């Protein structure tokens, strides 16, 4: 059992996640009796931390809204980088490490200065993550401004560099209702309703500049199909998405989704077989994704780089298992 001082700090750390803890659950995490827990809670109150408690079968503890911690001194781009990195870690992992990433993310956001905290929370609230995303090539200011406008349902104007057609490369002003931020591969996209064209559009954030809120609120529209990330991916060209990998897996869809759903699209073929599709642009990640399936699979389509890497890995693993 931890000593009193370290246990009190541990209790404060748990309460700072701002979730409600039942008495037995919190005592179990601290490995103490509920009576000792009550004494530790009183000690926190004596130190000035408002801990709310409730009695009865549904009773428990929660850190009050008035609790504060010293602000974390970071620049805006550093704050956004921490939110992106910790959010990515939570998506990439599972179990205790994912829980720890979410906990760390909550604590980092909590101790940011108020203005940066609002921007960081906005980014968390409106982003659909792709777990194999590399560092996006977009400035923190653009990312934070768009995220905050999206969260606040505020119409926004920005300058955008056209991708193709007769206006390729042209800088144009756009006026949109921002709906969701989505990462695909190494890029960030904004899914928004374009007010000038009266239709849904996806905008690459690395081509977007000078974003500014208009202070005009809007009522969110329903995304076609109901899935922002799927809508964005469907509208991208093959060059933007990158080479794809498709494999037939000899395992039920539900089992495969438990292992790889964050990394790929899983479609049932029958009760015992499913098809996995993922971005094959990063061979190591694609090979790792197939490796964690723990089921026989057949490659239906894959970039040559992925096939070459799978062959190299197979040789190394075979030699390690049978070193004769």
C-alpha atoms as a PDB file:
ATOM      1  CA  UNK A   1       0.000   0.000   0.000  1.00  0.00           C
ATOM      2  CA  UNK A   2       1.283   3.455  -0.850  1.00  0.00           C
ATOM      3  CA  UNK A   3       2.086   5.882   1.963  1.00  0.00           C
ATOM      4  CA  UNK A   4      -0.434   8.579   2.828  1.00  0.00           C
ATOM      5  CA  UNK A   5       1.168  11.418   0.821  1.00  0.00           C
ATOM      6  CA  UNK A   6       1.637   9.444  -2.397  1.00  0.00           C
ATOM      7  CA  UNK A   7      -1.822   7.899  -2.043  1.00  0.00           C
ATOM      8  CA  UNK A   8      -3.374  11.354  -1.713  1.00  0.00           C
ATOM      9  CA  UNK A   9      -1.616  12.474  -4.877  1.00  0.00           C
ATOM     10  CA  UNK A  10      -2.860   9.340  -6.627  1.00  0.00           C
ATOM     11  CA  UNK A  11      -6.392  10.078  -5.469  1.00  0.00           C
ATOM     12  CA  UNK A  12      -6.134  13.632  -6.788  1.00  0.00           C
ATOM     13  CA  UNK A  13      -4.810  12.325 -10.096  1.00  0.00           C
ATOM     14  CA  UNK A  14      -7.799  10.008 -10.479  1.00  0.00           C
ATOM     15  CA  UNK A  15     -10.297  12.687  -9.526  1.00  0.00           C
ATOM     16  CA  UNK A  16      -8.760  15.134 -11.987  1.00  0.00           C
ATOM     17  CA  UNK A  17     -10.081  13.107 -14.886  1.00  0.00           C
ATOM     18  CA  UNK A  18     -13.424  14.743 -13.944  1.00  0.00           C
ATOM     19  CA  UNK A  19     -15.300  11.467 -14.217  1.00  0.00           C
ATOM     20  CA  UNK A  20     -17.602  10.268 -11.449  1.00  0.00           C
ATOM     21  CA  UNK A  21     -16.123   7.485  -9.322  1.00  0.00           C
ATOM     22  CA  UNK A  22     -18.170   5.137  -7.185  1.00  0.00           C
ATOM     23  CA  UNK A  23     -16.758   4.625  -3.692  1.00  0.00           C
ATOM     24  CA  UNK A  24     -15.897   0.919  -4.139  1.00  0.00           C
ATOM     25  CA  UNK A  25     -14.329   1.530  -7.566  1.00  0.00           C
ATOM     26  CA  UNK A  26     -12.140   4.363  -6.315  1.00  0.00           C
ATOM     27  CA  UNK A  27     -11.115   2.454  -3.194  1.00  0.00           C
ATOM     28  CA  UNK A  28     -10.238  -0.525  -5.374  1.00  0.00           C
ATOM     29  CA  UNK A  29      -8.016   1.583  -7.633  1.00  0.00           C
ATOM     30  CA  UNK A  30      -6.192   2.902  -4.572  1.00  0.00           C
ATOM     31  CA  UNK A  31      -6.122  -0.519  -2.861  1.00  0.00           C
ATOM     32  CA  UNK A  32      -7.556   0.863   0.373  1.00  0.00           C
ATOM     33  CA  UNK A  33     -10.744   0.411   2.378  1.00  0.00           C
ATOM     34  CA  UNK A  34     -13.674   2.754   1.824  1.00  0.00           C
ATOM     35  CA  UNK A  35     -13.101   4.128   5.323  1.00  0.00           C
ATOM     36  CA  UNK A  36      -9.504   5.064   4.397  1.00  0.00           C
ATOM     37  CA  UNK A  37     -10.800   6.561   1.158  1.00  0.00           C
ATOM     38  CA  UNK A  38     -13.151   8.832   3.095  1.00  0.00           C
ATOM     39  CA  UNK A  39     -10.222  10.041   5.227  1.00  0.00           C
ATOM     40  CA  UNK A  40      -8.145  10.739   2.114  1.00  0.00           C
ATOM     41  CA  UNK A  41     -11.010  12.691   0.577  1.00  0.00           C
ATOM     42  CA  UNK A  42     -11.247  14.790   3.728  1.00  0.00           C
ATOM     43  CA  UNK A  43      -7.509  15.435   3.518  1.00  0.00           C
ATOM     44  CA  UNK A  44      -7.932  16.770  -0.018  1.00  0.00           C
ATOM     45  CA  UNK A  45     -10.742  19.024   1.148  1.00  0.00           C
ATOM     46  CA  UNK A  46      -8.499  20.383   3.900  1.00  0.00           C
ATOM     47  CA  UNK A  47      -5.939  21.224   1.209  1.00  0.00           C
ATOM     48  CA  UNK A  48      -8.544  23.274  -0.631  1.00  0.00           C
ATOM     49  CA  UNK A  49      -9.734  20.825  -3.307  1.00  0.00           C
ATOM     50  CA  UNK A  50     -13.553  20.750  -3.582  1.00  0.00           C
ATOM     51  CA  UNK A  51     -14.492  17.072  -3.727  1.00  0.00           C
ATOM     52  CA  UNK A  52     -18.198  16.440  -4.252  1.00  0.00           C
ATOM     53  CA  UNK A  53     -19.673  13.282  -2.755  1.00  0.00           C
ATOM     54  CA  UNK A  54     -23.053  11.583  -2.761  1.00  0.00           C
ATOM     55  CA  UNK A  55     -24.463   8.854  -0.537  1.00  0.00           C
ATOM     56  CA  UNK A  56     -26.483   5.739  -1.249  1.00  0.00           C
ATOM     57  CA  UNK A  57     -26.118   2.823  -3.623  1.00  0.00           C
ATOM     58  CA  UNK A  58     -25.291   5.191  -6.486  1.00  0.00           C
ATOM     59  CA  UNK A  59     -22.989   7.315  -4.333  1.00  0.00           C
ATOM     60  CA  UNK A  60     -19.427   8.274  -5.085  1.00  0.00           C
ATOM     61  CA  UNK A  61     -16.944  11.102  -5.577  1.00  0.00           C
ATOM     62  CA  UNK A  62     -16.121  13.720  -8.173  1.00  0.00           C
ATOM     63  CA  UNK A  63     -13.759  16.689  -8.179  1.00  0.00           C
ATOM     64  CA  UNK A  64     -15.780  19.886  -7.976  1.00  0.00           C
ATOM     65  CA  UNK A  65     -15.874  22.471 -10.748  1.00  0.00           C
ATOM     66  CA  UNK A  66     -13.923  24.964  -8.666  1.00  0.00           C
ATOM     67  CA  UNK A  67     -10.769  22.826  -8.536  1.00  0.00           C
ATOM     68  CA  UNK A  68      -7.797  24.360 -10.309  1.00  0.00           C
ATOM     69  CA  UNK A  69      -4.203  23.420 -11.010  1.00  0.00           C
ATOM     70  CA  UNK A  70      -1.280  25.676 -11.961  1.00  0.00           C
ATOM     71  CA  UNK A  71      -1.467  26.435 -15.700  1.00  0.00           C
ATOM     72  CA  UNK A  72       0.904  24.553 -17.983  1.00  0.00           C
ATOM     73  CA  UNK A  73       3.158  27.018 -19.791  1.00  0.00           C
ATOM     74  CA  UNK A  74       3.341  26.059 -23.458  1.00  0.00           C
ATOM     75  CA  UNK A  75       3.046  27.787 -26.818  1.00  0.00           C
ATOM     76  CA  UNK A  76      -0.097  27.287 -28.885  1.00  0.00           C
ATOM     77  CA  UNK A  77       1.558  25.003 -31.444  1.00  0.00           C
ATOM     78  CA  UNK A  78       3.008  22.917 -28.588  1.00  0.00           C
ATOM     79  CA  UNK A  79      -0.440  22.543 -27.010  1.00  0.00           C
ATOM     80  CA  UNK A  80      -1.997  21.433 -30.292  1.00  0.00           C
ATOM     81  CA  UNK A  81       0.913  19.028 -30.903  1.00  0.00           C
ATOM     82  CA  UNK A  82       0.376  17.385 -27.495  1.00  0.00           C
ATOM     83  CA  UNK A  83      -3.329  16.938 -28.142  1.00  0.00           C
ATOM     84  CA  UNK A  84      -2.689  15.423 -31.588  1.00  0.00           C
ATOM     85  CA  UNK A  85       0.071  13.117 -30.320  1.00  0.00           C
ATOM     86  CA  UNK A  86      -1.792  11.827 -27.270  1.00  0.00           C
ATOM     87  CA  UNK A  87      -4.999  11.422 -29.245  1.00  0.00           C
ATOM     88  CA  UNK A  88      -3.100   9.396 -31.837  1.00  0.00           C
ATOM     89  CA  UNK A  89      -1.566   7.220 -29.136  1.00  0.00           C
ATOM     90  CA  UNK A  90      -5.017   6.455 -27.767  1.00  0.00           C
ATOM     91  CA  UNK A  91      -6.201   5.403 -31.232  1.00  0.00           C
ATOM     92  CA  UNK A  92      -3.123   3.289 -31.991  1.00  0.00           C
ATOM     93  CA  UNK A  93      -3.206   1.229 -28.821  1.00  0.00           C
ATOM     94  CA  UNK A  94      -5.650  -0.782 -26.782  1.00  0.00           C
ATOM     95  CA  UNK A  95      -6.100  -1.733 -23.149  1.00  0.00           C
ATOM     96  CA  UNK A  96      -4.148  -0.023 -20.344  1.00  0.00           C
ATOM     97  CA  UNK A  97      -1.911   1.980 -22.687  1.00  0.00           C
ATOM     98  CA  UNK A  98      -4.899   3.444 -24.504  1.00  0.00           C
ATOM     99  CA  UNK A  99      -6.533   4.271 -21.166  1.00  0.00           C
ATOM    100  CA  UNK A 100      -3.311   5.921 -20.007  1.00  0.00           C
ATOM    101  CA  UNK A 101      -3.146   8.000 -23.201  1.00  0.00           C
ATOM    102  CA  UNK A 102      -6.712   9.204 -22.720  1.00  0.00           C
ATOM    103  CA  UNK A 103      -5.991   9.980 -19.059  1.00  0.00           C
ATOM    104  CA  UNK A 104      -2.824  11.899 -19.956  1.00  0.00           C
ATOM    105  CA  UNK A 105      -4.694  13.797 -22.641  1.00  0.00           C
ATOM    106  CA  UNK A 106      -7.385  14.818 -20.167  1.00  0.00           C
ATOM    107  CA  UNK A 107      -4.778  16.051 -17.680  1.00  0.00           C
ATOM    108  CA  UNK A 108      -2.792  17.985 -20.274  1.00  0.00           C
ATOM    109  CA  UNK A 109      -5.899  19.752 -21.521  1.00  0.00           C
ATOM    110  CA  UNK A 110      -7.008  20.532 -17.973  1.00  0.00           C
ATOM    111  CA  UNK A 111      -3.844  22.416 -17.020  1.00  0.00           C
ATOM    112  CA  UNK A 112      -3.548  24.464 -20.202  1.00  0.00           C
ATOM    113  CA  UNK A 113      -4.273  28.191 -19.931  1.00  0.00           C
ATOM    114  CA  UNK A 114      -7.986  28.884 -20.613  1.00  0.00           C
ATOM    115  CA  UNK A 115      -7.610  30.089 -24.213  1.00  0.00           C
ATOM    116  CA  UNK A 116      -5.432  27.151 -25.254  1.00  0.00           C
ATOM    117  CA  UNK A 117      -7.656  24.751 -23.333  1.00  0.00           C
ATOM    118  CA  UNK A 118     -10.700  25.880 -25.308  1.00  0.00           C
ATOM    119  CA  UNK A 119      -8.853  25.322 -28.574  1.00  0.00           C
ATOM    120  CA  UNK A 120      -7.469  21.937 -27.532  1.00  0.00           C
ATOM    121  CA  UNK A 121     -10.891  20.739 -26.371  1.00  0.00           C
ATOM    122  CA  UNK A 122     -12.391  21.920 -29.655  1.00  0.00           C
ATOM    123  CA  UNK A 123      -9.854  19.883 -31.608  1.00  0.00           C
ATOM    124  CA  UNK A 124     -10.599  16.754 -29.566  1.00  0.00           C
ATOM    125  CA  UNK A 125     -14.337  17.185 -29.974  1.00  0.00           C
ATOM    126  CA  UNK A 126     -14.521  17.507 -33.754  1.00  0.00           C
ATOM    127  CA  UNK A 127     -11.821  15.163 -35.089  1.00  0.00           C
ATOM    128  CA  UNK A 128     -12.306  11.679 -36.520  1.00  0.00           C
ATOM    129  CA  UNK A 129      -8.889  10.012 -36.330  1.00  0.00           C
ATOM    130  CA  UNK A 130      -7.254   7.614 -38.730  1.00  0.00           C
ATOM    131  CA  UNK A 131      -4.838   5.570 -36.586  1.00  0.00           C
ATOM    132  CA  UNK A 132      -2.088   5.318 -39.190  1.00  0.00           C
ATOM    133  CA  UNK A 133      -1.891   9.024 -39.861  1.00  0.00           C
ATOM    134  CA  UNK A 134       1.544  10.577 -40.016  1.00  0.00           C
ATOM    135  CA  UNK A 135       2.188  14.117 -38.798  1.00  0.00           C
ATOM    136  CA  UNK A 136      -0.162  16.366 -40.803  1.00  0.00           C
ATOM    137  CA  UNK A 137       1.389  19.222 -42.756  1.00  0.00           C
ATOM    138  CA  UNK A 138      -0.825  21.952 -41.355  1.00  0.00           C
ATOM    139  CA  UNK A 139      -0.124  24.859 -39.012  1.00  0.00           C
ATOM    140  CA  UNK A 140      -1.413  24.783 -35.465  1.00  0.00           C
ATOM    141  CA  UNK A 141      -3.230  28.097 -35.933  1.00  0.00           C
ATOM    142  CA  UNK A 142      -5.227  26.838 -38.925  1.00  0.00           C
ATOM    143  CA  UNK A 143      -6.027  23.566 -37.158  1.00  0.00           C
ATOM    144  CA  UNK A 144      -7.090  25.253 -33.925  1.00  0.00           C
ATOM    145  CA  UNK A 145      -9.195  27.962 -35.611  1.00  0.00           C
ATOM    146  CA  UNK A 146     -11.075  25.488 -37.802  1.00  0.00           C
ATOM    147  CA  UNK A 147     -11.574  23.087 -34.883  1.00  0.00           C
ATOM    148  CA  UNK A 148     -13.017  25.790 -32.652  1.00  0.00           C
ATOM    149  CA  UNK A 149     -15.381  27.042 -35.370  1.00  0.00           C
ATOM    150  CA  UNK A 150     -16.492  23.446 -36.015  1.00  0.00           C
ATOM    151  CA  UNK A 151     -17.189  22.796 -32.351  1.00  0.00           C
ATOM    152  CA  UNK A 152     -19.030  26.101 -31.942  1.00  0.00           C
ATOM    153  CA  UNK A 153     -21.096  25.598 -35.151  1.00  0.00           C
ATOM    154  CA  UNK A 154     -19.812  28.928 -36.463  1.00  0.00           C
ATOM    155  CA  UNK A 155     -19.617  29.683 -40.168  1.00  0.00           C
ATOM    156  CA  UNK A 156     -16.090  30.346 -41.325  1.00  0.00           C
ATOM    157  CA  UNK A 157     -14.335  31.993 -44.273  1.00  0.00           C
ATOM    158  CA  UNK A 158     -10.892  31.032 -45.553  1.00  0.00           C
ATOM    159  CA  UNK A 159      -8.601  31.152 -48.560  1.00  0.00           C
ATOM    160  CA  UNK A 160      -8.215  27.878 -50.419  1.00  0.00           C
ATOM    161  CA  UNK A 161      -5.818  26.728 -53.116  1.00  0.00           C
ATOM    162  CA  UNK A 162      -7.793  24.920 -55.811  1.00  0.00           C
ATOM    163  CA  UNK A 163      -6.595  21.412 -56.635  1.00  0.00           C
ATOM    164  CA  UNK A 164      -7.479  20.785 -60.282  1.00  0.00           C
ATOM    165  CA  UNK A 165      -9.426  21.920 -63.312  1.00  0.00           C
ATOM    166  CA  UNK A 166      -9.096  25.299 -65.015  1.00  0.00           C
ATOM    167  CA  UNK A 167      -8.568  27.010 -61.650  1.00  0.00           C
ATOM    168  CA  UNK A 168      -5.774  24.672 -60.459  1.00  0.00           C
ATOM    169  CA  UNK A 169      -3.492  26.523 -58.069  1.00  0.00           C
ATOM    170  CA  UNK A 170      -5.791  29.528 -57.875  1.00  0.00           C
ATOM    171  CA  UNK A 171      -6.399  31.087 -54.442  1.00  0.00           C
ATOM    172  CA  UNK A 172     -10.149  31.378 -53.845  1.00  0.00           C
ATOM    173  CA  UNK A 173     -12.222  32.512 -50.878  1.00  0.00           C
ATOM    174  CA  UNK A 174     -14.681  30.001 -49.431  1.00  0.00           C
ATOM    175  CA  UNK A 175     -17.590  30.440 -47.040  1.00  0.00           C
ATOM    176  CA  UNK A 176     -18.635  27.217 -45.309  1.00  0.00           C
ATOM    177  CA  UNK A 177     -20.373  25.542 -42.416  1.00  0.00           C
ATOM    178  CA  UNK A 178     -17.621  23.361 -40.906  1.00  0.00           C
ATOM    179  CA  UNK A 179     -18.852  19.946 -39.808  1.00  0.00           C
ATOM    180  CA  UNK A 180     -15.930  17.632 -38.975  1.00  0.00           C
ATOM    181  CA  UNK A 181     -12.145  17.254 -39.136  1.00  0.00           C
ATOM    182  CA  UNK A 182     -10.919  13.936 -40.552  1.00  0.00           C
ATOM    183  CA  UNK A 183      -7.406  12.516 -40.938  1.00  0.00           C
ATOM    184  CA  UNK A 184      -6.647  10.303 -43.925  1.00  0.00           C
ATOM    185  CA  UNK A 185      -3.092   9.085 -44.409  1.00  0.00           C
ATOM    186  CA  UNK A 186      -0.838  12.007 -43.590  1.00  0.00           C
ATOM    187  CA  UNK A 187      -3.368  14.758 -44.245  1.00  0.00           C
ATOM    188  CA  UNK A 188      -6.123  16.595 -42.403  1.00  0.00           C
ATOM    189  CA  UNK A 189      -9.412  17.305 -44.163  1.00  0.00           C
ATOM    190  CA  UNK A 190     -12.300  19.561 -43.250  1.00  0.00           C
ATOM    191  CA  UNK A 191     -15.727  18.252 -44.196  1.00  0.00           C
ATOM    192  CA  UNK A 192     -17.985  21.268 -44.619  1.00  0.00           C
ATOM    193  CA  UNK A 193     -21.118  22.471 -46.338  1.00  0.00           C
ATOM    194  CA  UNK A 194     -20.073  25.027 -48.980  1.00  0.00           C
ATOM    195  CA  UNK A 195     -22.568  27.882 -48.826  1.00  0.00           C
ATOM    196  CA  UNK A 196     -21.586  29.282 -52.235  1.00  0.00           C
ATOM    197  CA  UNK A 197     -21.924  25.940 -54.048  1.00  0.00           C
ATOM    198  CA  UNK A 198     -24.781  24.643 -51.877  1.00  0.00           C
ATOM    199  CA  UNK A 199     -23.157  21.240 -51.499  1.00  0.00           C
ATOM    200  CA  UNK A 200     -20.825  19.207 -49.265  1.00  0.00           C
ATOM    201  CA  UNK A 201     -17.087  19.605 -49.871  1.00  0.00           C
ATOM    202  CA  UNK A 202     -13.835  18.251 -48.382  1.00  0.00           C
ATOM    203  CA  UNK A 203     -10.946  20.702 -47.968  1.00  0.00           C
ATOM    204  CA  UNK A 204      -7.316  19.782 -47.351  1.00  0.00           C
ATOM    205  CA  UNK A 205      -6.086  21.836 -44.429  1.00  0.00           C
ATOM    206  CA  UNK A 206      -2.571  22.200 -45.873  1.00  0.00           C
ATOM    207  CA  UNK A 207      -4.173  24.119 -48.769  1.00  0.00           C
ATOM    208  CA  UNK A 208      -6.254  26.261 -46.450  1.00  0.00           C
ATOM    209  CA  UNK A 209      -5.090  29.618 -45.055  1.00  0.00           C
ATOM    210  CA  UNK A 210      -6.380  32.751 -43.318  1.00  0.00           C
ATOM    211  CA  UNK A 211      -9.362  31.076 -41.606  1.00  0.00           C
ATOM    212  CA  UNK A 212     -11.645  33.398 -39.659  1.00  0.00           C
ATOM    213  CA  UNK A 213     -14.926  32.940 -37.861  1.00  0.00           C
ATOM    214  CA  UNK A 214     -17.911  35.012 -38.971  1.00  0.00           C
ATOM    215  CA  UNK A 215     -19.798  34.932 -35.623  1.00  0.00           C
ATOM    216  CA  UNK A 216     -22.758  33.523 -37.584  1.00  0.00           C
ATOM    217  CA  UNK A 217     -24.090  30.295 -36.054  1.00  0.00           C
ATOM    218  CA  UNK A 218     -25.711  27.504 -38.048  1.00  0.00           C
ATOM    219  CA  UNK A 219     -27.820  24.429 -37.426  1.00  0.00           C
ATOM    220  CA  UNK A 220     -25.729  21.329 -38.256  1.00  0.00           C
ATOM    221  CA  UNK A 221     -26.855  19.427 -41.346  1.00  0.00           C
ATOM    222  CA  UNK A 222     -26.947  15.659 -41.696  1.00  0.00           C
ATOM    223  CA  UNK A 223     -23.890  14.267 -43.504  1.00  0.00           C
ATOM    224  CA  UNK A 224     -24.859  12.052 -46.458  1.00  0.00           C
ATOM    225  CA  UNK A 225     -24.560   8.491 -45.217  1.00  0.00           C
ATOM    226  CA  UNK A 226     -24.154   9.660 -41.610  1.00  0.00           C
ATOM    227  CA  UNK A 227     -20.383   8.982 -41.441  1.00  0.00           C
ATOM    228  CA  UNK A 228     -18.096  11.987 -41.964  1.00  0.00           C
ATOM    229  CA  UNK A 229     -14.871   9.967 -42.256  1.00  0.00           C
ATOM    230  CA  UNK A 230     -16.387   7.540 -44.782  1.00  0.00           C
ATOM    231  CA  UNK A 231     -17.781  10.434 -46.823  1.00  0.00           C
ATOM    232  CA  UNK A 232     -14.384  12.142 -46.999  1.00  0.00           C
ATOM    233  CA  UNK A 233     -12.527   8.968 -47.973  1.00  0.00           C
ATOM    234  CA  UNK A 234     -15.081   8.132 -50.655  1.00  0.00           C
ATOM    235  CA  UNK A 235     -14.605  11.519 -52.276  1.00  0.00           C
ATOM    236  CA  UNK A 236     -10.802  11.370 -52.458  1.00  0.00           C
ATOM    237  CA  UNK A 237      -8.901  10.398 -55.572  1.00  0.00           C
ATOM    238  CA  UNK A 238      -6.713   7.280 -55.559  1.00  0.00           C
ATOM    239  CA  UNK A 239      -3.609   9.473 -55.538  1.00  0.00           C
ATOM    240  CA  UNK A 240      -4.784  11.166 -52.348  1.00  0.00           C
ATOM    241  CA  UNK A 241      -5.721   7.961 -50.565  1.00  0.00           C
ATOM    242  CA  UNK A 242      -2.687   5.999 -51.732  1.00  0.00           C
ATOM    243  CA  UNK A 243      -2.418   2.360 -52.754  1.00  0.00           C
ATOM    244  CA  UNK A 244      -4.876   0.059 -51.060  1.00  0.00           C
ATOM    245  CA  UNK A 245      -4.461  -3.366 -49.517  1.00  0.00           C
ATOM    246  CA  UNK A 246      -7.268  -5.916 -49.602  1.00  0.00           C
ATOM    247  CA  UNK A 247      -7.147  -9.299 -47.901  1.00  0.00           C
ATOM    248  CA  UNK A 248      -9.600 -12.164 -47.384  1.00  0.00           C
ATOM    249  CA  UNK A 249      -9.424 -13.286 -43.746  1.00  0.00           C
ATOM    250  CA  UNK A 250     -10.571 -16.670 -42.441  1.00  0.00           C
ATOM    251  CA  UNK A 251     -12.249 -15.345 -39.310  1.00  0.00           C
ATOM    252  CA  UNK A 252     -15.647 -13.839 -38.408  1.00  0.00           C
ATOM    253  CA  UNK A 253     -16.051 -10.112 -38.980  1.00  0.00           C
ATOM    254  CA  UNK A 254     -16.683  -9.439 -35.269  1.00  0.00           C
ATOM    255  CA  UNK A 255     -13.398 -11.049 -34.178  1.00  0.00           C
ATOM    256  CA  UNK A 256     -11.382  -9.176 -36.796  1.00  0.00           C
ATOM    257  CA  UNK A 257     -13.003  -5.859 -35.914  1.00  0.00           C
ATOM    258  CA  UNK A 258     -11.895  -6.258 -32.297  1.00  0.00           C
ATOM    259  CA  UNK A 259      -8.278  -6.357 -33.469  1.00  0.00           C
ATOM    260  CA  UNK A 260      -8.148  -4.082 -36.483  1.00  0.00           C
ATOM    261  CA  UNK A 261     -11.316  -1.994 -36.772  1.00  0.00           C
ATOM    262  CA  UNK A 262      -9.453   1.282 -36.077  1.00  0.00           C
ATOM    263  CA  UNK A 263      -6.976   0.546 -38.855  1.00  0.00           C
ATOM    264  CA  UNK A 264      -9.140  -0.795 -41.679  1.00  0.00           C
ATOM    265  CA  UNK A 265     -12.583  -1.391 -43.122  1.00  0.00           C
ATOM    266  CA  UNK A 266     -13.896  -4.858 -42.316  1.00  0.00           C
ATOM    267  CA  UNK A 267     -16.738  -6.379 -44.374  1.00  0.00           C
ATOM    268  CA  UNK A 268     -18.387  -9.753 -43.742  1.00  0.00           C
ATOM    269  CA  UNK A 269     -18.249 -12.285 -46.594  1.00  0.00           C
ATOM    270  CA  UNK A 270     -20.004 -15.052 -44.666  1.00  0.00           C
ATOM    271  CA  UNK A 271     -20.262 -16.209 -41.053  1.00  0.00           C
ATOM    272  CA  UNK A 272     -16.625 -17.372 -40.964  1.00  0.00           C
ATOM    273  CA  UNK A 273     -14.877 -15.076 -43.461  1.00  0.00           C
ATOM    274  CA  UNK A 274     -14.443 -11.340 -43.914  1.00  0.00           C
ATOM    275  CA  UNK A 275     -12.614  -8.892 -46.159  1.00  0.00           C
ATOM    276  CA  UNK A 276     -10.158  -6.342 -44.780  1.00  0.00           C
ATOM    277  CA  UNK A 277      -9.259  -3.157 -46.673  1.00  0.00           C
ATOM    278  CA  UNK A 278      -6.640  -0.677 -45.483  1.00  0.00           C
ATOM    279  CA  UNK A 279      -4.254   1.989 -46.685  1.00  0.00           C
ATOM    280  CA  UNK A 280      -1.227   0.225 -48.162  1.00  0.00           C
ATOM    281  CA  UNK A 281       0.826   3.376 -48.594  1.00  0.00           C
ATOM    282  CA  UNK A 282       2.819   2.636 -45.430  1.00  0.00           C
ATOM    283  CA  UNK A 283       4.083  -0.959 -45.846  1.00  0.00           C
ATOM    284  CA  UNK A 284       5.214  -1.503 -42.243  1.00  0.00           C
ATOM    285  CA  UNK A 285       1.872  -0.438 -40.788  1.00  0.00           C
ATOM    286  CA  UNK A 286      -0.026  -2.566 -43.321  1.00  0.00           C
ATOM    287  CA  UNK A 287       2.115  -5.623 -42.515  1.00  0.00           C
ATOM    288  CA  UNK A 288       1.679  -5.006 -38.787  1.00  0.00           C
ATOM    289  CA  UNK A 289      -2.099  -4.764 -39.233  1.00  0.00           C
ATOM    290  CA  UNK A 290      -2.193  -8.126 -40.982  1.00  0.00           C
ATOM    291  CA  UNK A 291       0.047  -9.632 -38.333  1.00  0.00           C
ATOM    292  CA  UNK A 292      -2.263  -8.801 -35.435  1.00  0.00           C
ATOM    293  CA  UNK A 293      -5.203 -10.579 -37.079  1.00  0.00           C
ATOM    294  CA  UNK A 294      -4.012 -13.950 -35.731  1.00  0.00           C
ATOM    295  CA  UNK A 295      -5.976 -15.675 -38.508  1.00  0.00           C
ATOM    296  CA  UNK A 296      -5.149 -17.114 -41.960  1.00  0.00           C
ATOM    297  CA  UNK A 297      -5.526 -14.589 -44.767  1.00  0.00           C
ATOM    298  CA  UNK A 298      -5.105 -14.316 -48.527  1.00  0.00           C
ATOM    299  CA  UNK A 299      -3.877 -11.129 -50.196  1.00  0.00           C
ATOM    300  CA  UNK A 300      -6.287 -10.047 -52.940  1.00  0.00           C
ATOM    301  CA  UNK A 301      -4.651  -6.714 -53.738  1.00  0.00           C
ATOM    302  CA  UNK A 302      -1.564  -4.981 -52.355  1.00  0.00           C
ATOM    303  CA  UNK A 303       1.173  -2.585 -53.468  1.00  0.00           C
ATOM    304  CA  UNK A 304       4.462  -4.318 -54.442  1.00  0.00           C
ATOM    305  CA  UNK A 305       6.178  -2.655 -51.461  1.00  0.00           C
ATOM    306  CA  UNK A 306       3.819  -4.408 -49.038  1.00  0.00           C
ATOM    307  CA  UNK A 307       4.248  -7.796 -50.696  1.00  0.00           C
ATOM    308  CA  UNK A 308       8.040  -7.399 -50.645  1.00  0.00           C
ATOM    309  CA  UNK A 309       8.005  -6.465 -46.967  1.00  0.00           C
ATOM    310  CA  UNK A 310       5.747  -9.396 -46.050  1.00  0.00           C
ATOM    311  CA  UNK A 311       8.204 -11.747 -47.781  1.00  0.00           C
ATOM    312  CA  UNK A 312      11.164 -10.276 -45.881  1.00  0.00           C
ATOM    313  CA  UNK A 313       9.333 -10.475 -42.557  1.00  0.00           C
ATOM    314  CA  UNK A 314       8.231 -14.043 -43.243  1.00  0.00           C
ATOM    315  CA  UNK A 315      11.840 -15.054 -43.873  1.00  0.00           C
ATOM    316  CA  UNK A 316      13.108 -13.411 -40.702  1.00  0.00           C
ATOM    317  CA  UNK A 317      10.358 -14.869 -38.513  1.00  0.00           C
ATOM    318  CA  UNK A 318      10.809 -18.335 -40.002  1.00  0.00           C
ATOM    319  CA  UNK A 319      14.546 -18.213 -39.347  1.00  0.00           C
ATOM    320  CA  UNK A 320      13.959 -17.039 -35.769  1.00  0.00           C
ATOM    321  CA  UNK A 321      11.488 -19.850 -35.082  1.00  0.00           C
ATOM    322  CA  UNK A 322      13.769 -22.521 -36.583  1.00  0.00           C
ATOM    323  CA  UNK A 323      17.392 -21.349 -36.201  1.00  0.00           C
ATOM    324  CA  UNK A 324      18.930 -24.587 -37.557  1.00  0.00           C
END
